[in-house]
Amino acid sequence: MNASSATVGIIGLGSMGRPMAERLLAERGELVIHARRPQPELVAAGATWAESPRELAMCVDVMVSVLPDLPELEQLLDGPDGLLAGDRDLLILIASTSSAPAVRALGDRLHAQTSGRVRLVDCPVSGGEDGARAGTLSIMLGGAEADTALAAEVLAPCGTAVHLGPLGAGQVAKACNQLVVSATILALGEATVLADRSSIDLDRMWSLLAGGYAGSRLLEARHSKLVTGDDSASGMAKYMVKDLRFAADIAAGTGTDAVLLPALRAAFDEIVDRGLGDRDISVTRRLVAERRPRPDDTNEF
């Protein structure tokens, strides 16, 4: 089987799943979809609506899961209307950020339960909603060689997919990604507060620093939010809590005494504890500012 002959489905049509589905549908001309709510726009564009996970699994060869995490997927596996109720071979691509050991355990369970009929590839993504809409996501693949080769072909309209190792390797890479992202956005938020309290023009500063070593895709994407303080949701900060927990699990499993990771977990736990978890990750500016409000007196800068 190759990507052109495979029938593809997707489940989970939220902020990331919906634009990924649009990219797949536009490229393939057909796509089977299932979600909690009807998707008339996608159906009008040519997608086929499946009434249940079982119906979805009965008519696809490859299914992309863009659900928030493994528990949401596992709820849809069993029972008469579950994904496992079908009888055809099924390759499930797990695009959520999840625990690497949990993905491997699920892969072993499904292999035993279905005698190898249902297989897994983990394919977490990085690039946010902008990358999903533009088809420029970085897609981290873990799994068997043949399965990941098929996954890379199927997901090509969504971005660049690279096979990094056995099942779970994609999740390890995503944990590394989230470690860098969380450290960067915390530094950006803290630096913004320092500059703002020193009466520096934030737009000019970040436009200038973007051309040096401080420049990054994250700064490019969050430039406006950092400058204006608008942290309305794009990538919600609360999801970083679980992502960093998965990174901590990997650190423990590899005997790594991490330096930054504990501080980052504490910072994002504090964001959630302050009721700011539904804000964009650029809420780090607000976190730092609210921890010690600017004094009324004029500073020396």
Foldseek 3Di string as FASTA:
>chain_A
DAQLPWAEEEEDCPLQNVLLLVLLCVVNVEYEYEYPDDDVVVVVSRYHYDPALCSRLQRGAEYEYPDQEVVVLVVQADDCRHNVVHQAAYEYEYQHQYFLVVQVVVQVVVCVVNVNSYHYKYWHWDDFSVLQNQLAIETEIAADPVSQNRVQRSSNSNHGYDYDYHRSRSNLVVLVVLLVVLVLLLVLLLVLLVCVLVVHQLLVVLVVCLVDPNNDPSCVVCVVCSRVVQQADRPFLLSSLNSLVSNVVVCVVVVHPDDCSVVSNVQSVVCVVVVNRNTHSNCSNVSNCVVDPRDPDRDPD
